[in-house]
Structure formats: C-alpha cells, structure tokens
PDB file of N, CA and C in Angstrom:
ATOM      1  N   ASP A   1      21.645 163.215  62.163  1.00  0.00           N
ATOM      2  CA  ASP A   1      22.926 163.724  61.425  1.00  0.00           C
ATOM      3  C   ASP A   1      23.785 164.786  62.474  1.00  0.00           C
ATOM      4  N   GLU A   2      24.939 164.189  62.502  1.00  0.00           N
ATOM      5  CA  GLU A   2      25.886 165.069  63.832  1.00  0.00           C
ATOM      6  C   GLU A   2      25.860 166.477  63.403  1.00  0.00           C
ATOM      7  N   LEU A   3      25.830 167.014  62.458  1.00  0.00           N
ATOM      8  CA  LEU A   3      26.345 168.067  61.372  1.00  0.00           C
ATOM      9  C   LEU A   3      25.378 168.683  62.116  1.00  0.00           C
ATOM     10  N   LYS A   4      24.247 168.591  61.611  1.00  0.00           N
ATOM     11  CA  LYS A   4      23.441 169.615  61.973  1.00  0.00           C
ATOM     12  C   LYS A   4      22.463 169.938  62.944  1.00  0.00           C
ATOM     13  N   ARG A   5      23.249 168.835  64.014  1.00  0.00           N
ATOM     14  CA  ARG A   5      22.666 168.920  65.418  1.00  0.00           C
ATOM     15  C   ARG A   5      23.670 169.793  65.899  1.00  0.00           C
ATOM     16  N   LEU A   6      24.986 170.367  65.728  1.00  0.00           N
ATOM     17  CA  LEU A   6      25.998 171.044  66.175  1.00  0.00           C
ATOM     18  C   LEU A   6      25.412 172.675  65.401  1.00  0.00           C
ATOM     19  N   GLU A   7      25.082 172.526  64.126  1.00  0.00           N
ATOM     20  CA  GLU A   7      24.608 173.475  63.335  1.00  0.00           C
ATOM     21  C   GLU A   7      23.652 174.726  64.274  1.00  0.00           C
ATOM     22  N   THR A   8      22.576 173.610  64.704  1.00  0.00           N
ATOM     23  CA  THR A   8      21.560 173.928  65.325  1.00  0.00           C
ATOM     24  C   THR A   8      21.486 174.452  66.979  1.00  0.00           C
ATOM     25  N   LYS A   9      22.804 173.337  67.198  1.00  0.00           N
ATOM     26  CA  LYS A   9      23.182 174.189  68.555  1.00  0.00           C
ATOM     27  C   LYS A   9      24.074 175.464  68.524  1.00  0.00           C
ATOM     28  N   PHE A  10      24.584 175.201  67.703  1.00  0.00           N
ATOM     29  CA  PHE A  10      25.256 177.095  67.449  1.00  0.00           C
ATOM     30  C   PHE A  10      24.693 177.932  67.409  1.00  0.00           C
ATOM     31  N   TYR A  11      23.631 177.865  66.278  1.00  0.00           N
ATOM     32  CA  TYR A  11      23.077 179.031  65.915  1.00  0.00           C
ATOM     33  C   TYR A  11      22.119 179.308  67.286  1.00  0.00           C
ATOM     34  N   ASN A  12      21.668 178.285  67.860  1.00  0.00           N
ATOM     35  CA  ASN A  12      20.101 178.430  68.764  1.00  0.00           C
ATOM     36  C   ASN A  12      21.161 179.449  69.758  1.00  0.00           C
ATOM     37  N   LEU A  13      22.348 179.189  70.303  1.00  0.00           N
ATOM     38  CA  LEU A  13      23.037 179.640  71.346  1.00  0.00           C
ATOM     39  C   LEU A  13      23.552 181.083  70.960  1.00  0.00           C
ATOM     40  N   THR A  14      23.814 181.115  69.821  1.00  0.00           N
ATOM     41  CA  THR A  14      24.000 182.489  69.280  1.00  0.00           C
ATOM     42  C   THR A  14      23.104 184.115  68.798  1.00  0.00           C
ATOM     43  N   GLY A  15      22.029 183.130  69.287  1.00  0.00           N
ATOM     44  CA  GLY A  15      20.667 183.680  68.856  1.00  0.00           C
ATOM     45  C   GLY A  15      20.570 184.423  67.462  1.00  0.00           C
ATOM     46  N   ALA A  16      20.869 183.354  66.519  1.00  0.00           N
ATOM     47  CA  ALA A  16      21.053 183.412  65.241  1.00  0.00           C
ATOM     48  C   ALA A  16      20.379 182.289  64.456  1.00  0.00           C
ATOM     49  N   ASN A  17      19.999 182.845  62.994  1.00  0.00           N
ATOM     50  CA  ASN A  17      19.381 181.764  62.270  1.00  0.00           C
ATOM     51  C   ASN A  17      20.494 181.583  61.359  1.00  0.00           C
ATOM     52  N   ASN A  18      21.364 182.126  61.265  1.00  0.00           N
ATOM     53  CA  ASN A  18      22.541 182.406  60.388  1.00  0.00           C
ATOM     54  C   ASN A  18      23.918 183.472  60.283  1.00  0.00           C
ATOM     55  N   SER A  19      25.002 183.209  59.786  1.00  0.00           N
ATOM     56  CA  SER A  19      26.321 183.685  60.295  1.00  0.00           C
ATOM     57  C   SER A  19      26.623 184.951  60.432  1.00  0.00           C
ATOM     58  N   LYS A  20      25.256 185.479  59.712  1.00  0.00           N
ATOM     59  CA  LYS A  20      25.265 186.869  59.724  1.00  0.00           C
ATOM     60  C   LYS A  20      24.677 187.392  60.843  1.00  0.00           C
ATOM     61  N   GLY A  21      25.573 188.471  61.635  1.00  0.00           N
ATOM     62  CA  GLY A  21      24.758 189.289  62.805  1.00  0.00           C
ATOM     63  C   GLY A  21      24.716 188.592  64.187  1.00  0.00           C
ATOM     64  N   LEU A  22      25.915 187.286  64.287  1.00  0.00           N
ATOM     65  CA  LEU A  22      26.446 186.647  65.458  1.00  0.00           C
ATOM     66  C   LEU A  22      26.061 187.411  66.485  1.00  0.00           C
ATOM     67  N   SER A  23      25.944 187.027  67.450  1.00  0.00           N
ATOM     68  CA  SER A  23      25.959 187.728  69.176  1.00  0.00           C
ATOM     69  C   SER A  23      26.140 186.857  69.848  1.00  0.00           C
ATOM     70  N   PRO A  24      26.611 187.066  71.044  1.00  0.00           N
ATOM     71  CA  PRO A  24      27.199 185.940  71.953  1.00  0.00           C
ATOM     72  C   PRO A  24      25.809 185.680  72.487  1.00  0.00           C
ATOM     73  N   PRO A  25      25.664 184.396  73.132  1.00  0.00           N
ATOM     74  CA  PRO A  25      24.101 184.250  73.839  1.00  0.00           C
ATOM     75  C   PRO A  25      24.303 184.387  75.357  1.00  0.00           C
ATOM     76  N   PRO A  26      22.608 184.678  75.930  1.00  0.00           N
ATOM     77  CA  PRO A  26      22.637 186.088  76.766  1.00  0.00           C
ATOM     78  C   PRO A  26      23.019 185.235  78.172  1.00  0.00           C
ATOM     79  N   ARG A  27      23.990 186.206  78.830  1.00  0.00           N
ATOM     80  CA  ARG A  27      24.413 185.742  80.138  1.00  0.00           C
ATOM     81  C   ARG A  27      23.652 185.270  80.980  1.00  0.00           C
ATOM     82  N   ASN A  28      24.531 183.556  81.750  1.00  0.00           N
ATOM     83  CA  ASN A  28      24.258 183.008  82.302  1.00  0.00           C
ATOM     84  C   ASN A  28      22.768 181.542  81.884  1.00  0.00           C
ATOM     85  N   SER A  29      22.807 182.011  80.772  1.00  0.00           N
ATOM     86  CA  SER A  29      21.911 180.976  80.193  1.00  0.00           C
ATOM     87  C   SER A  29      22.892 179.696  79.256  1.00  0.00           C
ATOM     88  N   TYR A  30      24.406 179.876  79.347  1.00  0.00           N
ATOM     89  CA  TYR A  30      25.000 178.263  79.049  1.00  0.00           C
ATOM     90  C   TYR A  30      26.549 178.347  79.366  1.00  0.00           C
ATOM     91  N   HIS A  31      26.737 177.662  79.836  1.00  0.00           N
ATOM     92  CA  HIS A  31      28.339 177.532  80.555  1.00  0.00           C
ATOM     93  C   HIS A  31      29.150 176.990  79.145  1.00  0.00           C
ATOM     94  N   GLY A  32      28.597 176.380  78.784  1.00  0.00           N
ATOM     95  CA  GLY A  32      29.563 175.575  77.724  1.00  0.00           C
ATOM     96  C   GLY A  32      30.289 175.705  76.427  1.00  0.00           C
ATOM     97  N   THR A  33      31.095 175.189  76.097  1.00  0.00           N
ATOM     98  CA  THR A  33      31.876 175.769  75.244  1.00  0.00           C
ATOM     99  C   THR A  33      31.148 175.884  73.683  1.00  0.00           C
ATOM    100  N   ILE A  34      30.589 177.129  72.759  1.00  0.00           N
ATOM    101  CA  ILE A  34      30.518 176.914  71.617  1.00  0.00           C
ATOM    102  C   ILE A  34      30.979 176.357  70.289  1.00  0.00           C
ATOM    103  N   VAL A  35      30.847 175.606  69.664  1.00  0.00           N
ATOM    104  CA  VAL A  35      31.701 175.097  68.806  1.00  0.00           C
ATOM    105  C   VAL A  35      30.923 175.597  67.252  1.00  0.00           C
ATOM    106  N   ARG A  36      31.598 176.540  66.797  1.00  0.00           N
ATOM    107  CA  ARG A  36      31.141 176.641  65.216  1.00  0.00           C
ATOM    108  C   ARG A  36      31.522 175.682  64.056  1.00  0.00           C
ATOM    109  N   PRO A  37      30.686 174.626  63.430  1.00  0.00           N
ATOM    110  CA  PRO A  37      31.447 173.673  62.233  1.00  0.00           C
ATOM    111  C   PRO A  37      32.244 174.546  61.420  1.00  0.00           C
ATOM    112  N   ASP A  38      33.859 173.821  61.214  1.00  0.00           N
ATOM    113  CA  ASP A  38      34.141 174.567  60.106  1.00  0.00           C
ATOM    114  C   ASP A  38      34.067 173.975  58.497  1.00  0.00           C
ATOM    115  N   ALA A  39      34.849 174.103  57.777  1.00  0.00           N
ATOM    116  CA  ALA A  39      35.264 173.453  56.577  1.00  0.00           C
ATOM    117  C   ALA A  39      35.593 171.904  56.780  1.00  0.00           C
ATOM    118  N   LYS A  40      36.372 172.323  57.693  1.00  0.00           N
ATOM    119  CA  LYS A  40      36.855 170.668  58.122  1.00  0.00           C
ATOM    120  C   LYS A  40      35.473 169.643  58.854  1.00  0.00           C
ATOM    121  N   CYS A  41      34.754 169.919  59.469  1.00  0.00           N
ATOM    122  CA  CYS A  41      33.606 169.644  59.679  1.00  0.00           C
ATOM    123  C   CYS A  41      32.734 168.891  58.494  1.00  0.00           C
ATOM    124  N   TYR A  42      32.753 170.273  57.623  1.00  0.00           N
ATOM    125  CA  TYR A  42      31.435 169.749  56.721  1.00  0.00           C
ATOM    126  C   TYR A  42      32.290 168.615  55.487  1.00  0.00           C
ATOM    127  N   ALA A  43      33.173 168.964  55.323  1.00  0.00           N
ATOM    128  CA  ALA A  43      34.189 168.172  54.014  1.00  0.00           C
ATOM    129  C   ALA A  43      34.096 166.110  55.006  1.00  0.00           C
ATOM    130  N   MET A  44      34.550 166.466  56.335  1.00  0.00           N
ATOM    131  CA  MET A  44      34.177 164.909  56.621  1.00  0.00           C
ATOM    132  C   MET A  44      32.493 164.550  56.503  1.00  0.00           C
ATOM    133  N   VAL A  45      31.992 164.644  56.929  1.00  0.00           N
ATOM    134  CA  VAL A  45      30.523 164.477  56.702  1.00  0.00           C
ATOM    135  C   VAL A  45      30.227 164.349  54.824  1.00  0.00           C
ATOM    136  N   ILE A  46      30.618 165.325  53.994  1.00  0.00           N
ATOM    137  CA  ILE A  46      30.449 164.885  52.738  1.00  0.00           C
ATOM    138  C   ILE A  46      31.130 163.931  52.187  1.00  0.00           C
ATOM    139  N   ASN A  47      32.448 163.957  52.607  1.00  0.00           N
ATOM    140  CA  ASN A  47      33.474 162.497  52.040  1.00  0.00           C
ATOM    141  C   ASN A  47      32.986 160.995  52.956  1.00  0.00           C
ATOM    142  N   ALA A  48      32.233 161.215  54.332  1.00  0.00           N
ATOM    143  CA  ALA A  48      31.742 159.958  54.701  1.00  0.00           C
ATOM    144  C   ALA A  48      30.356 159.437  53.559  1.00  0.00           C
ATOM    145  N   TYR A  49      29.391 160.040  53.389  1.00  0.00           N
ATOM    146  CA  TYR A  49      28.686 160.148  51.892  1.00  0.00           C
ATOM    147  C   TYR A  49      29.144 159.828  50.829  1.00  0.00           C
ATOM    148  N   ALA A  50      30.195 160.082  50.470  1.00  0.00           N
ATOM    149  CA  ALA A  50      31.141 160.145  49.094  1.00  0.00           C
ATOM    150  C   ALA A  50      31.829 158.640  49.197  1.00  0.00           C
ATOM    151  N   LYS A  51      31.419 157.634  50.260  1.00  0.00           N
ATOM    152  CA  LYS A  51      32.298 156.318  50.156  1.00  0.00           C
ATOM    153  C   LYS A  51      31.350 155.184  48.825  1.00  0.00           C
ATOM    154  N   PRO A  52      32.268 154.460  48.606  1.00  0.00           N
ATOM    155  CA  PRO A  52      31.592 153.844  47.413  1.00  0.00           C
ATOM    156  C   PRO A  52      30.684 152.420  47.743  1.00  0.00           C
ATOM    157  N   GLY A  53      29.979 152.903  47.221  1.00  0.00           N
ATOM    158  CA  GLY A  53      28.687 151.652  47.840  1.00  0.00           C
ATOM    159  C   GLY A  53      27.464 151.859  48.292  1.00  0.00           C
ATOM    160  N   LEU A  54      27.780 153.613  48.165  1.00  0.00           N
ATOM    161  CA  LEU A  54      26.639 153.983  48.923  1.00  0.00           C
ATOM    162  C   LEU A  54      25.406 154.556  47.718  1.00  0.00           C
ATOM    163  N   GLY A  55      24.227 155.072  48.307  1.00  0.00           N
ATOM    164  CA  GLY A  55      23.342 155.051  46.886  1.00  0.00           C
ATOM    165  C   GLY A  55      22.910 156.730  46.814  1.00  0.00           C
ATOM    166  N   ARG A  56      21.938 156.797  45.714  1.00  0.00           N
ATOM    167  CA  ARG A  56      21.709 157.940  45.378  1.00  0.00           C
ATOM    168  C   ARG A  56      21.255 159.200  46.760  1.00  0.00           C
ATOM    169  N   THR A  57      20.559 158.528  47.527  1.00  0.00           N
ATOM    170  CA  THR A  57      20.350 159.037  49.156  1.00  0.00           C
ATOM    171  C   THR A  57      21.833 159.896  49.291  1.00  0.00           C
ATOM    172  N   GLU A  58      22.634 159.165  49.800  1.00  0.00           N
ATOM    173  CA  GLU A  58      23.697 159.399  50.191  1.00  0.00           C
ATOM    174  C   GLU A  58      24.660 160.806  49.127  1.00  0.00           C
ATOM    175  N   ALA A  59      24.454 160.668  47.890  1.00  0.00           N
ATOM    176  CA  ALA A  59      24.696 161.387  46.832  1.00  0.00           C
ATOM    177  C   ALA A  59      24.162 162.745  47.113  1.00  0.00           C
ATOM    178  N   HIS A  60      22.480 162.469  46.895  1.00  0.00           N
ATOM    179  CA  HIS A  60      21.890 163.867  47.425  1.00  0.00           C
ATOM    180  C   HIS A  60      22.169 164.721  48.810  1.00  0.00           C
ATOM    181  N   LEU A  61      22.734 163.619  50.029  1.00  0.00           N
ATOM    182  CA  LEU A  61      22.504 164.570  51.343  1.00  0.00           C
ATOM    183  C   LEU A  61      24.587 164.936  50.944  1.00  0.00           C
ATOM    184  N   ALA A  62      25.038 164.213  50.089  1.00  0.00           N
ATOM    185  CA  ALA A  62      26.362 165.293  50.444  1.00  0.00           C
ATOM    186  C   ALA A  62      26.629 166.144  49.165  1.00  0.00           C
ATOM    187  N   GLU A  63      25.837 166.312  49.008  1.00  0.00           N
ATOM    188  CA  GLU A  63      25.192 167.752  47.885  1.00  0.00           C
ATOM    189  C   GLU A  63      24.414 168.974  49.229  1.00  0.00           C
ATOM    190  N   GLU A  64      23.660 168.283  49.949  1.00  0.00           N
ATOM    191  CA  GLU A  64      22.658 169.044  50.492  1.00  0.00           C
ATOM    192  C   GLU A  64      23.814 169.915  51.676  1.00  0.00           C
ATOM    193  N   VAL A  65      24.922 168.844  52.297  1.00  0.00           N
ATOM    194  CA  VAL A  65      25.983 169.312  52.800  1.00  0.00           C
ATOM    195  C   VAL A  65      27.010 171.078  52.761  1.00  0.00           C
ATOM    196  N   CYS A  66      27.099 170.218  51.509  1.00  0.00           N
ATOM    197  CA  CYS A  66      27.696 171.651  50.230  1.00  0.00           C
ATOM    198  C   CYS A  66      27.321 172.832  50.608  1.00  0.00           C
ATOM    199  N   ARG A  67      25.419 172.507  50.198  1.00  0.00           N
ATOM    200  CA  ARG A  67      24.870 173.855  50.280  1.00  0.00           C
ATOM    201  C   ARG A  67      24.440 174.573  51.883  1.00  0.00           C
ATOM    202  N   ARG A  68      24.299 173.464  52.409  1.00  0.00           N
ATOM    203  CA  ARG A  68      24.367 174.101  54.056  1.00  0.00           C
ATOM    204  C   ARG A  68      25.541 175.013  54.063  1.00  0.00           C
ATOM    205  N   PHE A  69      27.223 174.269  54.104  1.00  0.00           N
ATOM    206  CA  PHE A  69      27.632 175.196  54.688  1.00  0.00           C
ATOM    207  C   PHE A  69      27.544 176.536  53.602  1.00  0.00           C
ATOM    208  N   GLU A  70      27.204 176.557  52.395  1.00  0.00           N
ATOM    209  CA  GLU A  70      27.602 178.216  51.873  1.00  0.00           C
ATOM    210  C   GLU A  70      26.071 178.917  52.532  1.00  0.00           C
ATOM    211  N   MET A  71      25.045 178.094  52.977  1.00  0.00           N
ATOM    212  CA  MET A  71      24.187 179.006  53.639  1.00  0.00           C
ATOM    213  C   MET A  71      24.357 179.291  54.721  1.00  0.00           C
ATOM    214  N   TYR A  72      25.158 178.502  56.057  1.00  0.00           N
ATOM    215  CA  TYR A  72      25.477 179.414  57.519  1.00  0.00           C
ATOM    216  C   TYR A  72      26.970 180.096  56.738  1.00  0.00           C
ATOM    217  N   ASN A  73      27.913 179.959  55.790  1.00  0.00           N
ATOM    218  CA  ASN A  73      28.929 180.826  55.751  1.00  0.00           C
ATOM    219  C   ASN A  73      29.004 181.902  54.170  1.00  0.00           C
ATOM    220  N   PRO A  74      27.987 183.062  54.212  1.00  0.00           N
ATOM    221  CA  PRO A  74      28.053 183.644  52.895  1.00  0.00           C
ATOM    222  C   PRO A  74      28.951 183.969  52.758  1.00  0.00           C
ATOM    223  N   GLY A  75      29.185 184.132  50.851  1.00  0.00           N
ATOM    224  CA  GLY A  75      30.376 184.372  50.366  1.00  0.00           C
ATOM    225  C   GLY A  75      31.532 183.502  50.851  1.00  0.00           C
ATOM    226  N   VAL A  76      31.348 182.639  51.673  1.00  0.00           N
ATOM    227  CA  VAL A  76      32.705 181.248  51.069  1.00  0.00           C
ATOM    228  C   VAL A  76      32.299 179.859  50.595  1.00  0.00           C
ATOM    229  N   PRO A  77      32.453 179.766  49.240  1.00  0.00           N
ATOM    230  CA  PRO A  77      32.233 178.859  48.280  1.00  0.00           C
ATOM    231  C   PRO A  77      32.561 177.726  49.243  1.00  0.00           C
ATOM    232  N   CYS A  78      32.116 176.386  48.950  1.00  0.00           N
ATOM    233  CA  CYS A  78      32.792 175.101  49.473  1.00  0.00           C
ATOM    234  C   CYS A  78      34.042 174.961  48.231  1.00  0.00           C
ATOM    235  N   ASN A  79      35.089 174.608  49.089  1.00  0.00           N
ATOM    236  CA  ASN A  79      36.296 174.547  48.682  1.00  0.00           C
ATOM    237  C   ASN A  79      36.552 172.935  47.922  1.00  0.00           C
ATOM    238  N   ALA A  80      37.294 173.293  47.428  1.00  0.00           N
ATOM    239  CA  ALA A  80      37.334 171.798  46.562  1.00  0.00           C
ATOM    240  C   ALA A  80      37.491 170.755  46.815  1.00  0.00           C
ATOM    241  N   PHE A  81      37.886 170.658  47.908  1.00  0.00           N
ATOM    242  CA  PHE A  81      37.794 169.181  49.101  1.00  0.00           C
ATOM    243  C   PHE A  81      36.351 168.537  49.075  1.00  0.00           C
ATOM    244  N   MET A  82      36.040 169.469  49.484  1.00  0.00           N
ATOM    245  CA  MET A  82      34.582 169.436  49.437  1.00  0.00           C
ATOM    246  C   MET A  82      33.754 168.616  48.371  1.00  0.00           C
ATOM    247  N   MET A  83      34.036 169.592  47.146  1.00  0.00           N
ATOM    248  CA  MET A  83      33.644 169.595  45.620  1.00  0.00           C
ATOM    249  C   MET A  83      34.135 167.996  45.013  1.00  0.00           C
ATOM    250  N   LYS A  84      34.865 167.635  45.196  1.00  0.00           N
ATOM    251  CA  LYS A  84      35.636 166.647  44.846  1.00  0.00           C
ATOM    252  C   LYS A  84      34.857 165.718  46.058  1.00  0.00           C
ATOM    253  N   GLY A  85      34.473 165.467  47.191  1.00  0.00           N
ATOM    254  CA  GLY A  85      33.185 164.057  47.774  1.00  0.00           C
ATOM    255  C   GLY A  85      32.117 164.315  47.182  1.00  0.00           C
ATOM    256  N   VAL A  86      31.272 165.293  46.617  1.00  0.00           N
ATOM    257  CA  VAL A  86      30.201 165.733  46.188  1.00  0.00           C
ATOM    258  C   VAL A  86      30.412 165.050  44.722  1.00  0.00           C
ATOM    259  N   LEU A  87      31.477 165.288  44.206  1.00  0.00           N
ATOM    260  CA  LEU A  87      31.869 164.794  42.800  1.00  0.00           C
ATOM    261  C   LEU A  87      31.963 162.978  42.893  1.00  0.00           C
ATOM    262  N   ARG A  88      33.171 162.772  43.590  1.00  0.00           N
ATOM    263  CA  ARG A  88      32.420 160.972  43.842  1.00  0.00           C
ATOM    264  C   ARG A  88      31.327 160.527  43.961  1.00  0.00           C
ATOM    265  N   ALA A  89      30.687 161.135  44.872  1.00  0.00           N
ATOM    266  CA  ALA A  89      29.561 160.696  45.351  1.00  0.00           C
ATOM    267  C   ALA A  89      28.416 160.744  44.194  1.00  0.00           C
ATOM    268  N   TRP A  90      28.433 161.790  43.184  1.00  0.00           N
ATOM    269  CA  TRP A  90      27.807 161.421  42.415  1.00  0.00           C
ATOM    270  C   TRP A  90      28.011 160.200  40.969  1.00  0.00           C
ATOM    271  N   ILE A  91      29.268 159.952  40.614  1.00  0.00           N
ATOM    272  CA  ILE A  91      30.085 159.283  39.857  1.00  0.00           C
ATOM    273  C   ILE A  91      29.627 157.989  40.597  1.00  0.00           C
ATOM    274  N   GLY A  92      30.066 157.933  41.659  1.00  0.00           N
ATOM    275  CA  GLY A  92      29.563 156.423  42.162  1.00  0.00           C
ATOM    276  C   GLY A  92      28.642 155.539  42.370  1.00  0.00           C
ATOM    277  N   VAL A  93      27.132 156.996  42.181  1.00  0.00           N
ATOM    278  CA  VAL A  93      25.646 156.123  41.581  1.00  0.00           C
ATOM    279  C   VAL A  93      25.725 156.345  40.129  1.00  0.00           C
ATOM    280  N   GLU A  94      26.466 157.164  39.327  1.00  0.00           N
ATOM    281  CA  GLU A  94      26.843 156.828  37.475  1.00  0.00           C
ATOM    282  C   GLU A  94      25.475 157.891  37.555  1.00  0.00           C
ATOM    283  N   ASN A  95      25.692 159.042  38.008  1.00  0.00           N
ATOM    284  CA  ASN A  95      25.036 160.271  37.719  1.00  0.00           C
ATOM    285  C   ASN A  95      25.397 161.500  37.406  1.00  0.00           C
ATOM    286  N   LEU A  96      25.954 161.146  35.972  1.00  0.00           N
ATOM    287  CA  LEU A  96      27.273 162.271  35.238  1.00  0.00           C
ATOM    288  C   LEU A  96      26.602 163.165  34.764  1.00  0.00           C
ATOM    289  N   LYS A  97      25.398 163.397  34.839  1.00  0.00           N
ATOM    290  CA  LYS A  97      24.659 164.781  34.809  1.00  0.00           C
ATOM    291  C   LYS A  97      24.992 165.923  36.430  1.00  0.00           C
ATOM    292  N   LYS A  98      24.943 165.165  37.274  1.00  0.00           N
ATOM    293  CA  LYS A  98      25.464 165.767  38.734  1.00  0.00           C
ATOM    294  C   LYS A  98      26.207 165.831  38.740  1.00  0.00           C
ATOM    295  N   ALA A  99      27.304 164.754  38.199  1.00  0.00           N
ATOM    296  CA  ALA A  99      28.374 164.798  38.694  1.00  0.00           C
ATOM    297  C   ALA A  99      29.739 165.791  37.190  1.00  0.00           C
ATOM    298  N   GLU A 100      28.670 166.561  36.215  1.00  0.00           N
ATOM    299  CA  GLU A 100      29.099 167.402  35.548  1.00  0.00           C
ATOM    300  C   GLU A 100      28.567 169.190  35.947  1.00  0.00           C
ATOM    301  N   GLU A 101      27.844 169.143  36.323  1.00  0.00           N
ATOM    302  CA  GLU A 101      27.330 169.896  37.163  1.00  0.00           C
ATOM    303  C   GLU A 101      27.870 170.329  38.655  1.00  0.00           C
ATOM    304  N   CYS A 102      28.541 169.264  39.090  1.00  0.00           N
ATOM    305  CA  CYS A 102      29.114 169.411  39.722  1.00  0.00           C
ATOM    306  C   CYS A 102      30.750 170.085  39.784  1.00  0.00           C
ATOM    307  N   LEU A 103      31.439 169.218  38.855  1.00  0.00           N
ATOM    308  CA  LEU A 103      32.820 170.097  37.550  1.00  0.00           C
ATOM    309  C   LEU A 103      32.595 170.994  37.526  1.00  0.00           C
ATOM    310  N   SER A 104      31.467 171.998  36.832  1.00  0.00           N
ATOM    311  CA  SER A 104      31.295 172.788  36.150  1.00  0.00           C
ATOM    312  C   SER A 104      31.417 174.209  37.588  1.00  0.00           C
ATOM    313  N   LYS A 105      30.682 173.594  38.994  1.00  0.00           N
ATOM    314  CA  LYS A 105      30.724 174.627  39.769  1.00  0.00           C
ATOM    315  C   LYS A 105      32.085 174.639  40.419  1.00  0.00           C
ATOM    316  N   MET A 106      33.462 173.689  40.390  1.00  0.00           N
ATOM    317  CA  MET A 106      34.586 173.291  40.945  1.00  0.00           C
ATOM    318  C   MET A 106      34.964 174.658  39.948  1.00  0.00           C
ATOM    319  N   GLU A 107      34.864 174.503  38.415  1.00  0.00           N
ATOM    320  CA  GLU A 107      35.628 175.274  37.510  1.00  0.00           C
ATOM    321  C   GLU A 107      34.820 176.496  37.987  1.00  0.00           C
ATOM    322  N   GLU A 108      33.747 176.874  38.152  1.00  0.00           N
ATOM    323  CA  GLU A 108      33.518 178.656  38.524  1.00  0.00           C
ATOM    324  C   GLU A 108      34.118 178.829  39.763  1.00  0.00           C
ATOM    325  N   SER A 109      34.282 178.007  40.175  1.00  0.00           N
ATOM    326  CA  SER A 109      34.565 178.734  41.576  1.00  0.00           C
ATOM    327  C   SER A 109      35.957 178.946  41.524  1.00  0.00           C
ATOM    328  N   TYR A 110      36.693 178.221  40.607  1.00  0.00           N
ATOM    329  CA  TYR A 110      38.257 178.350  40.921  1.00  0.00           C
ATOM    330  C   TYR A 110      38.972 179.791  39.539  1.00  0.00           C
ATOM    331  N   ALA A 111      37.728 179.907  39.165  1.00  0.00           N
ATOM    332  CA  ALA A 111      37.870 181.141  38.110  1.00  0.00           C
ATOM    333  C   ALA A 111      37.462 182.052  38.965  1.00  0.00           C
ATOM    334  N   THR A 112      36.813 182.235  40.122  1.00  0.00           N
ATOM    335  CA  THR A 112      36.726 183.286  41.208  1.00  0.00           C
ATOM    336  C   THR A 112      37.952 183.276  41.856  1.00  0.00           C
ATOM    337  N   THR A 113      38.446 182.573  42.885  1.00  0.00           N
ATOM    338  CA  THR A 113      39.166 182.230  43.700  1.00  0.00           C
ATOM    339  C   THR A 113      40.362 182.575  43.461  1.00  0.00           C
ATOM    340  N   ARG A 114      40.954 182.016  41.994  1.00  0.00           N
ATOM    341  CA  ARG A 114      42.077 181.849  41.888  1.00  0.00           C
ATOM    342  C   ARG A 114      43.247 180.951  42.893  1.00  0.00           C
ATOM    343  N   ARG A 115      42.662 180.103  44.070  1.00  0.00           N
ATOM    344  CA  ARG A 115      43.477 180.242  44.784  1.00  0.00           C
ATOM    345  C   ARG A 115      43.994 178.201  44.622  1.00  0.00           C
ATOM    346  N   ALA A 116      45.081 178.079  44.511  1.00  0.00           N
ATOM    347  CA  ALA A 116      45.320 176.539  44.167  1.00  0.00           C
ATOM    348  C   ALA A 116      44.602 175.646  44.853  1.00  0.00           C
ATOM    349  N   ASP A 117      44.231 175.855  46.020  1.00  0.00           N
ATOM    350  CA  ASP A 117      43.008 174.662  46.784  1.00  0.00           C
ATOM    351  C   ASP A 117      41.773 174.593  46.052  1.00  0.00           C
ATOM    352  N   ASP A 118      41.588 175.378  44.892  1.00  0.00           N
ATOM    353  CA  ASP A 118      40.555 175.553  44.510  1.00  0.00           C
ATOM    354  C   ASP A 118      40.627 174.817  43.219  1.00  0.00           C
ATOM    355  N   ALA A 119      41.769 174.067  42.817  1.00  0.00           N
ATOM    356  CA  ALA A 119      41.611 174.074  41.506  1.00  0.00           C
ATOM    357  C   ALA A 119      41.085 172.112  41.390  1.00  0.00           C
ATOM    358  N   PRO A 120      40.155 172.809  40.085  1.00  0.00           N
ATOM    359  CA  PRO A 120      39.536 171.138  40.172  1.00  0.00           C
ATOM    360  C   PRO A 120      40.388 170.144  39.884  1.00  0.00           C
TER     361      PRO A 120
END
C-alpha cells in the first residue's frame, strides 16, 4: 500500500517512529524531498477502500488507515470526510454494528471539536 510506504519512508528519514519528536535526517544522508502524508492522503486511500462492491477486507483496511492517521498524528482525530469513507465501507458490506460504531465515533469527534467540517 502506497500510503504505508510513504509513512515508513517519512518516519525512517526523520529518525522517528511516530510524529512526536521529529528530527531532521542526518546531514548528507538523503537529498530528496521529504513528504509527510497529510489528511488528504489518508482520506483518498480510505475512500478508495470504501468503493461499492469491495469486500470486508477493504472495509477493515479503511478502518486501519483511520487508526494509522490517529497514530501518526497524535491529538488529531480523523475528520468527518475520512470517517464517512469508513462508514460507507461498513455499510457496503452490510456490517451495521461496525457502521454504528463508526457513526458514534463521528458524533464524539464532533462533540469534542465542534467544527462544522466534523459534523456527522
């Protein structure tokens, strides 16, 4: 998965296992551009996994991408756009229990942030 490769490269080059305590790469070790995956990258991958007709594996992968976003961006919850993708993935495979959990998480996030973009 391209996102996982990008995450790994970014955190290996910056010398950190997570986004806490990022430091620049050692001098003369790498001369290319270091690109950190942002929320849009994660959202694109989630929405690709949420396409109709894909199976449970993809729904699990969409949820996994959300977890990875939160792991690499501590203190920043998944936004509503990401969560809607996960919600669509679970509805697509008719797992309503997981869809309800996802909707509850969206509501909790909105209650915390009160940002219009996070409204379920």
